[in-house]
Every structure is written in C-alpha cells, then in structure tokens.
Amino acid sequence: MTRKAKTVSPQKVLITKEQYIEDIKVRWQIHQYEINKLGEDLNKVAQTVAPYVQKIMDYSVSKYQELRDRYVTIK
C-alpha cells in the first residue's frame, strides 16, 4: 500500500502597494551599491594588470621591429 501526500496550497501572502514600492527602492539601493563595488574591483584589476600589459606591448613592439629590421630588403 502506498501513501499519497496531501497537496496543500501555500497561503497567499500579499504585500501592500506601499510595501512593494519600498521593496523596489531597497533593492535598487542594493543594486547601486553592488555596481559601485564592482566598478571599484574592476579599477583595481585594471591597475594591477596594466603594467603587465604594457610590458607585453613593449616586448612585442621591440621584437616586431627587430624582425622587420632583420628581414628588410634593400632596394
């Protein structure tokens, strides 16, 4: 014999229009805070990575110029 669980519908919990508007305002404040923190973190990443990118660019340019000078044909 198998038992079947009774299905019970959850009670509806409704909030007022004013509570809903306040909730939206709070969520927007949280969103703005998180976006600002993301911007700060991305700035830190950019500042940390920038010297390495510059080093790679300098190396690439110097190697390109070295190879170009080596293989330039004189007319």
PDB file of N, CA and C in Angstrom:
ATOM      1  N   MET A   1       0.836  -1.176   0.000  1.00  0.00           N
ATOM      2  CA  MET A   1       0.000   0.000   0.000  1.00  0.00           C
ATOM      3  C   MET A   1       0.886   1.246   0.000  1.00  0.00           C
ATOM      4  N   THR A   2       0.647   2.150  -0.922  1.00  0.00           N
ATOM      5  CA  THR A   2       1.420   3.391  -0.977  1.00  0.00           C
ATOM      6  C   THR A   2       0.580   4.542  -0.456  1.00  0.00           C
ATOM      7  N   ARG A   3       1.254   5.377   0.256  1.00  0.00           N
ATOM      8  CA  ARG A   3       0.572   6.553   0.809  1.00  0.00           C
ATOM      9  C   ARG A   3       0.801   7.743  -0.109  1.00  0.00           C
ATOM     10  N   LYS A   4      -0.208   8.516  -0.271  1.00  0.00           N
ATOM     11  CA  LYS A   4      -0.079   9.727  -1.069  1.00  0.00           C
ATOM     12  C   LYS A   4      -0.090  10.922  -0.127  1.00  0.00           C
ATOM     13  N   ALA A   5       0.844  11.817  -0.357  1.00  0.00           N
ATOM     14  CA  ALA A   5       0.896  13.024   0.459  1.00  0.00           C
ATOM     15  C   ALA A   5      -0.205  13.971   0.029  1.00  0.00           C
ATOM     16  N   LYS A   6      -0.767  14.612   0.997  1.00  0.00           N
ATOM     17  CA  LYS A   6      -1.777  15.602   0.671  1.00  0.00           C
ATOM     18  C   LYS A   6      -1.100  16.826   0.066  1.00  0.00           C
ATOM     19  N   THR A   7      -1.679  17.339  -0.967  1.00  0.00           N
ATOM     20  CA  THR A   7      -1.154  18.563  -1.542  1.00  0.00           C
ATOM     21  C   THR A   7      -1.865  19.736  -0.898  1.00  0.00           C
ATOM     22  N   VAL A   8      -1.061  20.592  -0.359  1.00  0.00           N
ATOM     23  CA  VAL A   8      -1.602  21.760   0.331  1.00  0.00           C
ATOM     24  C   VAL A   8      -1.101  22.989  -0.406  1.00  0.00           C
ATOM     25  N   SER A   9      -2.012  23.814  -0.814  1.00  0.00           N
ATOM     26  CA  SER A   9      -1.592  25.033  -1.498  1.00  0.00           C
ATOM     27  C   SER A   9      -1.092  26.029  -0.455  1.00  0.00           C
ATOM     28  N   PRO A  10      -0.016  26.729  -0.793  1.00  0.00           N
ATOM     29  CA  PRO A  10       0.519  27.696   0.156  1.00  0.00           C
ATOM     30  C   PRO A  10      -0.436  28.861   0.331  1.00  0.00           C
ATOM     31  N   GLN A  11      -0.372  29.453   1.510  1.00  0.00           N
ATOM     32  CA  GLN A  11      -1.214  30.618   1.746  1.00  0.00           C
ATOM     33  C   GLN A  11      -0.656  31.792   0.957  1.00  0.00           C
ATOM     34  N   LYS A  12      -1.532  32.575   0.422  1.00  0.00           N
ATOM     35  CA  LYS A  12      -1.101  33.753  -0.317  1.00  0.00           C
ATOM     36  C   LYS A  12      -0.691  34.827   0.686  1.00  0.00           C
ATOM     37  N   VAL A  13       0.521  35.313   0.494  1.00  0.00           N
ATOM     38  CA  VAL A  13       0.995  36.403   1.331  1.00  0.00           C
ATOM     39  C   VAL A  13       1.137  37.605   0.411  1.00  0.00           C
ATOM     40  N   LEU A  14       0.274  38.528   0.564  1.00  0.00           N
ATOM     41  CA  LEU A  14       0.288  39.710  -0.273  1.00  0.00           C
ATOM     42  C   LEU A  14       0.825  40.890   0.521  1.00  0.00           C
ATOM     43  N   ILE A  15       1.554  41.719  -0.177  1.00  0.00           N
ATOM     44  CA  ILE A  15       2.041  42.936   0.461  1.00  0.00           C
ATOM     45  C   ILE A  15       1.299  44.116  -0.156  1.00  0.00           C
ATOM     46  N   THR A  16       1.318  45.182   0.570  1.00  0.00           N
ATOM     47  CA  THR A  16       0.615  46.365   0.086  1.00  0.00           C
ATOM     48  C   THR A  16       1.431  47.035  -1.016  1.00  0.00           C
ATOM     49  N   LYS A  17       0.778  47.930  -1.720  1.00  0.00           N
ATOM     50  CA  LYS A  17       1.453  48.679  -2.782  1.00  0.00           C
ATOM     51  C   LYS A  17       2.627  49.472  -2.209  1.00  0.00           C
ATOM     52  N   GLU A  18       2.432  50.056  -1.042  1.00  0.00           N
ATOM     53  CA  GLU A  18       3.490  50.844  -0.402  1.00  0.00           C
ATOM     54  C   GLU A  18       4.682  49.959  -0.022  1.00  0.00           C
ATOM     55  N   GLN A  19       4.408  48.766   0.497  1.00  0.00           N
ATOM     56  CA  GLN A  19       5.481  47.825   0.841  1.00  0.00           C
ATOM     57  C   GLN A  19       6.229  47.397  -0.424  1.00  0.00           C
ATOM     58  N   TYR A  20       5.498  47.201  -1.483  1.00  0.00           N
ATOM     59  CA  TYR A  20       6.100  46.801  -2.751  1.00  0.00           C
ATOM     60  C   TYR A  20       7.029  47.906  -3.265  1.00  0.00           C
ATOM     61  N   ILE A  21       6.577  49.146  -3.203  1.00  0.00           N
ATOM     62  CA  ILE A  21       7.394  50.266  -3.657  1.00  0.00           C
ATOM     63  C   ILE A  21       8.645  50.400  -2.790  1.00  0.00           C
ATOM     64  N   GLU A  22       8.505  50.249  -1.486  1.00  0.00           N
ATOM     65  CA  GLU A  22       9.661  50.312  -0.587  1.00  0.00           C
ATOM     66  C   GLU A  22      10.643  49.179  -0.885  1.00  0.00           C
ATOM     67  N   ASP A  23      10.122  48.015  -1.171  1.00  0.00           N
ATOM     68  CA  ASP A  23      10.966  46.875  -1.515  1.00  0.00           C
ATOM     69  C   ASP A  23      11.771  47.170  -2.778  1.00  0.00           C
ATOM     70  N   ILE A  24      11.116  47.748  -3.765  1.00  0.00           N
ATOM     71  CA  ILE A  24      11.811  48.104  -5.010  1.00  0.00           C
ATOM     72  C   ILE A  24      12.916  49.117  -4.730  1.00  0.00           C
ATOM     73  N   LYS A  25      12.635  50.107  -3.881  1.00  0.00           N
ATOM     74  CA  LYS A  25      13.634  51.121  -3.549  1.00  0.00           C
ATOM     75  C   LYS A  25      14.844  50.498  -2.852  1.00  0.00           C
ATOM     76  N   VAL A  26      14.585  49.602  -1.926  1.00  0.00           N
ATOM     77  CA  VAL A  26      15.681  48.940  -1.211  1.00  0.00           C
ATOM     78  C   VAL A  26      16.491  48.078  -2.168  1.00  0.00           C
ATOM     79  N   ARG A  27      15.811  47.344  -3.024  1.00  0.00           N
ATOM     80  CA  ARG A  27      16.525  46.509  -3.995  1.00  0.00           C
ATOM     81  C   ARG A  27      17.362  47.359  -4.941  1.00  0.00           C
ATOM     82  N   TRP A  28      16.848  48.524  -5.326  1.00  0.00           N
ATOM     83  CA  TRP A  28      17.605  49.420  -6.204  1.00  0.00           C
ATOM     84  C   TRP A  28      18.849  49.940  -5.484  1.00  0.00           C
ATOM     85  N   GLN A  29      18.715  50.271  -4.197  1.00  0.00           N
ATOM     86  CA  GLN A  29      19.876  50.726  -3.432  1.00  0.00           C
ATOM     87  C   GLN A  29      20.933  49.625  -3.351  1.00  0.00           C
ATOM     88  N   ILE A  30      20.493  48.399  -3.138  1.00  0.00           N
ATOM     89  CA  ILE A  30      21.421  47.262  -3.086  1.00  0.00           C
ATOM     90  C   ILE A  30      22.102  47.104  -4.438  1.00  0.00           C
ATOM     91  N   HIS A  31      21.332  47.213  -5.507  1.00  0.00           N
ATOM     92  CA  HIS A  31      21.880  47.094  -6.861  1.00  0.00           C
ATOM     93  C   HIS A  31      22.950  48.166  -7.091  1.00  0.00           C
ATOM     94  N   GLN A  32      22.641  49.409  -6.730  1.00  0.00           N
ATOM     95  CA  GLN A  32      23.595  50.502  -6.916  1.00  0.00           C
ATOM     96  C   GLN A  32      24.871  50.267  -6.110  1.00  0.00           C
ATOM     97  N   TYR A  33      24.727  49.805  -4.883  1.00  0.00           N
ATOM     98  CA  TYR A  33      25.885  49.509  -4.038  1.00  0.00           C
ATOM     99  C   TYR A  33      26.763  48.439  -4.694  1.00  0.00           C
ATOM    100  N   GLU A  34      26.126  47.376  -5.149  1.00  0.00           N
ATOM    101  CA  GLU A  34      26.882  46.273  -5.763  1.00  0.00           C
ATOM    102  C   GLU A  34      27.570  46.722  -7.049  1.00  0.00           C
ATOM    103  N   ILE A  35      26.895  47.534  -7.856  1.00  0.00           N
ATOM    104  CA  ILE A  35      27.504  48.031  -9.090  1.00  0.00           C
ATOM    105  C   ILE A  35      28.705  48.920  -8.772  1.00  0.00           C
ATOM    106  N   ASN A  36      28.583  49.766  -7.759  1.00  0.00           N
ATOM    107  CA  ASN A  36      29.719  50.608  -7.356  1.00  0.00           C
ATOM    108  C   ASN A  36      30.894  49.765  -6.889  1.00  0.00           C
ATOM    109  N   LYS A  37      30.615  48.728  -6.114  1.00  0.00           N
ATOM    110  CA  LYS A  37      31.691  47.833  -5.649  1.00  0.00           C
ATOM    111  C   LYS A  37      32.328  47.101  -6.836  1.00  0.00           C
ATOM    112  N   LEU A  38      31.524  46.704  -7.797  1.00  0.00           N
ATOM    113  CA  LEU A  38      32.051  46.057  -8.998  1.00  0.00           C
ATOM    114  C   LEU A  38      32.985  47.007  -9.733  1.00  0.00           C
ATOM    115  N   GLY A  39      32.567  48.266  -9.873  1.00  0.00           N
ATOM    116  CA  GLY A  39      33.414  49.259 -10.527  1.00  0.00           C
ATOM    117  C   GLY A  39      34.739  49.433  -9.810  1.00  0.00           C
ATOM    118  N   GLU A  40      34.701  49.478  -8.483  1.00  0.00           N
ATOM    119  CA  GLU A  40      35.939  49.594  -7.704  1.00  0.00           C
ATOM    120  C   GLU A  40      36.846  48.391  -7.942  1.00  0.00           C
ATOM    121  N   ASP A  41      36.264  47.201  -7.938  1.00  0.00           N
ATOM    122  CA  ASP A  41      37.054  45.987  -8.158  1.00  0.00           C
ATOM    123  C   ASP A  41      37.653  45.969  -9.561  1.00  0.00           C
ATOM    124  N   LEU A  42      36.879  46.374 -10.561  1.00  0.00           N
ATOM    125  CA  LEU A  42      37.393  46.392 -11.937  1.00  0.00           C
ATOM    126  C   LEU A  42      38.521  47.408 -12.087  1.00  0.00           C
ATOM    127  N   ASN A  43      38.417  48.537 -11.393  1.00  0.00           N
ATOM    128  CA  ASN A  43      39.513  49.517 -11.411  1.00  0.00           C
ATOM    129  C   ASN A  43      40.775  48.927 -10.801  1.00  0.00           C
ATOM    130  N   LYS A  44      40.627  48.209  -9.696  1.00  0.00           N
ATOM    131  CA  LYS A  44      41.788  47.577  -9.067  1.00  0.00           C
ATOM    132  C   LYS A  44      42.422  46.551  -9.999  1.00  0.00           C
ATOM    133  N   VAL A  45      41.582  45.779 -10.678  1.00  0.00           N
ATOM    134  CA  VAL A  45      42.102  44.786 -11.635  1.00  0.00           C
ATOM    135  C   VAL A  45      42.864  45.493 -12.750  1.00  0.00           C
ATOM    136  N   ALA A  46      42.283  46.559 -13.285  1.00  0.00           N
ATOM    137  CA  ALA A  46      42.934  47.292 -14.376  1.00  0.00           C
ATOM    138  C   ALA A  46      44.282  47.853 -13.928  1.00  0.00           C
ATOM    139  N   GLN A  47      44.334  48.409 -12.709  1.00  0.00           N
ATOM    140  CA  GLN A  47      45.587  48.961 -12.202  1.00  0.00           C
ATOM    141  C   GLN A  47      46.629  47.869 -11.971  1.00  0.00           C
ATOM    142  N   THR A  48      46.177  46.700 -11.565  1.00  0.00           N
ATOM    143  CA  THR A  48      47.102  45.591 -11.319  1.00  0.00           C
ATOM    144  C   THR A  48      47.639  45.014 -12.625  1.00  0.00           C
ATOM    145  N   VAL A  49      46.787  44.920 -13.622  1.00  0.00           N
ATOM    146  CA  VAL A  49      47.148  44.262 -14.881  1.00  0.00           C
ATOM    147  C   VAL A  49      47.889  45.204 -15.830  1.00  0.00           C
ATOM    148  N   ALA A  50      47.665  46.496 -15.724  1.00  0.00           N
ATOM    149  CA  ALA A  50      48.218  47.466 -16.671  1.00  0.00           C
ATOM    150  C   ALA A  50      49.732  47.354 -16.855  1.00  0.00           C
ATOM    151  N   PRO A  51      50.530  47.234 -15.796  1.00  0.00           N
ATOM    152  CA  PRO A  51      51.982  47.121 -16.015  1.00  0.00           C
ATOM    153  C   PRO A  51      52.370  45.874 -16.820  1.00  0.00           C
ATOM    154  N   TYR A  52      51.666  44.780 -16.599  1.00  0.00           N
ATOM    155  CA  TYR A  52      51.967  43.559 -17.340  1.00  0.00           C
ATOM    156  C   TYR A  52      51.592  43.696 -18.808  1.00  0.00           C
ATOM    157  N   VAL A  53      50.473  44.330 -19.072  1.00  0.00           N
ATOM    158  CA  VAL A  53      50.050  44.556 -20.457  1.00  0.00           C
ATOM    159  C   VAL A  53      51.045  45.471 -21.152  1.00  0.00           C
ATOM    160  N   GLN A  54      51.490  46.514 -20.451  1.00  0.00           N
ATOM    161  CA  GLN A  54      52.471  47.432 -21.030  1.00  0.00           C
ATOM    162  C   GLN A  54      53.779  46.704 -21.333  1.00  0.00           C
ATOM    163  N   LYS A  55      54.170  45.824 -20.438  1.00  0.00           N
ATOM    164  CA  LYS A  55      55.397  45.052 -20.641  1.00  0.00           C
ATOM    165  C   LYS A  55      55.277  44.158 -21.876  1.00  0.00           C
ATOM    166  N   ILE A  56      54.130  43.524 -22.031  1.00  0.00           N
ATOM    167  CA  ILE A  56      53.886  42.674 -23.199  1.00  0.00           C
ATOM    168  C   ILE A  56      53.905  43.509 -24.474  1.00  0.00           C
ATOM    169  N   MET A  57      53.276  44.674 -24.432  1.00  0.00           N
ATOM    170  CA  MET A  57      53.249  45.539 -25.614  1.00  0.00           C
ATOM    171  C   MET A  57      54.656  45.992 -25.989  1.00  0.00           C
ATOM    172  N   ASP A  58      55.434  46.415 -25.001  1.00  0.00           N
ATOM    173  CA  ASP A  58      56.805  46.857 -25.273  1.00  0.00           C
ATOM    174  C   ASP A  58      57.628  45.719 -25.873  1.00  0.00           C
ATOM    175  N   TYR A  59      57.504  44.531 -25.319  1.00  0.00           N
ATOM    176  CA  TYR A  59      58.231  43.373 -25.831  1.00  0.00           C
ATOM    177  C   TYR A  59      57.809  43.068 -27.268  1.00  0.00           C
ATOM    178  N   SER A  60      56.511  43.085 -27.516  1.00  0.00           N
ATOM    179  CA  SER A  60      56.002  42.775 -28.853  1.00  0.00           C
ATOM    180  C   SER A  60      56.494  43.787 -29.880  1.00  0.00           C
ATOM    181  N   VAL A  61      56.457  45.057 -29.530  1.00  0.00           N
ATOM    182  CA  VAL A  61      56.911  46.095 -30.457  1.00  0.00           C
ATOM    183  C   VAL A  61      58.402  45.941 -30.732  1.00  0.00           C
ATOM    184  N   SER A  62      59.180  45.697 -29.687  1.00  0.00           N
ATOM    185  CA  SER A  62      60.633  45.578 -29.900  1.00  0.00           C
ATOM    186  C   SER A  62      60.957  44.350 -30.751  1.00  0.00           C
ATOM    187  N   LYS A  63      60.260  43.231 -30.532  1.00  0.00           N
ATOM    188  CA  LYS A  63      60.521  42.042 -31.338  1.00  0.00           C
ATOM    189  C   LYS A  63      60.077  42.241 -32.781  1.00  0.00           C
ATOM    190  N   TYR A  64      58.944  42.927 -32.975  1.00  0.00           N
ATOM    191  CA  TYR A  64      58.478  43.209 -34.329  1.00  0.00           C
ATOM    192  C   TYR A  64      59.491  44.072 -35.069  1.00  0.00           C
ATOM    193  N   GLN A  65      59.976  45.119 -34.392  1.00  0.00           N
ATOM    194  CA  GLN A  65      60.953  45.999 -35.035  1.00  0.00           C
ATOM    195  C   GLN A  65      62.251  45.246 -35.330  1.00  0.00           C
ATOM    196  N   GLU A  66      62.638  44.378 -34.422  1.00  0.00           N
ATOM    197  CA  GLU A  66      63.852  43.582 -34.613  1.00  0.00           C
ATOM    198  C   GLU A  66      63.713  42.665 -35.834  1.00  0.00           C
ATOM    199  N   LEU A  67      62.585  41.989 -35.939  1.00  0.00           N
ATOM    200  CA  LEU A  67      62.354  41.098 -37.084  1.00  0.00           C
ATOM    201  C   LEU A  67      62.212  41.880 -38.383  1.00  0.00           C
ATOM    202  N   ARG A  68      61.537  43.025 -38.310  1.00  0.00           N
ATOM    203  CA  ARG A  68      61.366  43.846 -39.509  1.00  0.00           C
ATOM    204  C   ARG A  68      62.722  44.327 -40.007  1.00  0.00           C
ATOM    205  N   ASP A  69      63.567  44.776 -39.085  1.00  0.00           N
ATOM    206  CA  ASP A  69      64.889  45.262 -39.479  1.00  0.00           C
ATOM    207  C   ASP A  69      65.754  44.137 -40.037  1.00  0.00           C
ATOM    208  N   ARG A  70      65.585  42.946 -39.521  1.00  0.00           N
ATOM    209  CA  ARG A  70      66.377  41.816 -39.960  1.00  0.00           C
ATOM    210  C   ARG A  70      65.999  41.392 -41.371  1.00  0.00           C
ATOM    211  N   TYR A  71      64.743  41.485 -41.719  1.00  0.00           N
ATOM    212  CA  TYR A  71      64.271  40.956 -42.993  1.00  0.00           C
ATOM    213  C   TYR A  71      63.911  42.017 -44.034  1.00  0.00           C
ATOM    214  N   VAL A  72      64.295  43.251 -43.780  1.00  0.00           N
ATOM    215  CA  VAL A  72      64.028  44.307 -44.758  1.00  0.00           C
ATOM    216  C   VAL A  72      64.991  44.126 -45.910  1.00  0.00           C
ATOM    217  N   THR A  73      64.446  44.180 -47.101  1.00  0.00           N
ATOM    218  CA  THR A  73      65.295  44.050 -48.279  1.00  0.00           C
ATOM    219  C   THR A  73      65.714  45.440 -48.722  1.00  0.00           C
ATOM    220  N   ILE A  74      66.950  45.559 -49.115  1.00  0.00           N
ATOM    221  CA  ILE A  74      67.473  46.851 -49.576  1.00  0.00           C
ATOM    222  C   ILE A  74      67.224  46.941 -51.057  1.00  0.00           C
ATOM    223  N   LYS A  75      66.630  48.047 -51.470  1.00  0.00           N
ATOM    224  CA  LYS A  75      66.320  48.237 -52.894  1.00  0.00           C
ATOM    225  C   LYS A  75      67.385  49.031 -53.556  1.00  0.00           C
TER     226      LYS A  75
END
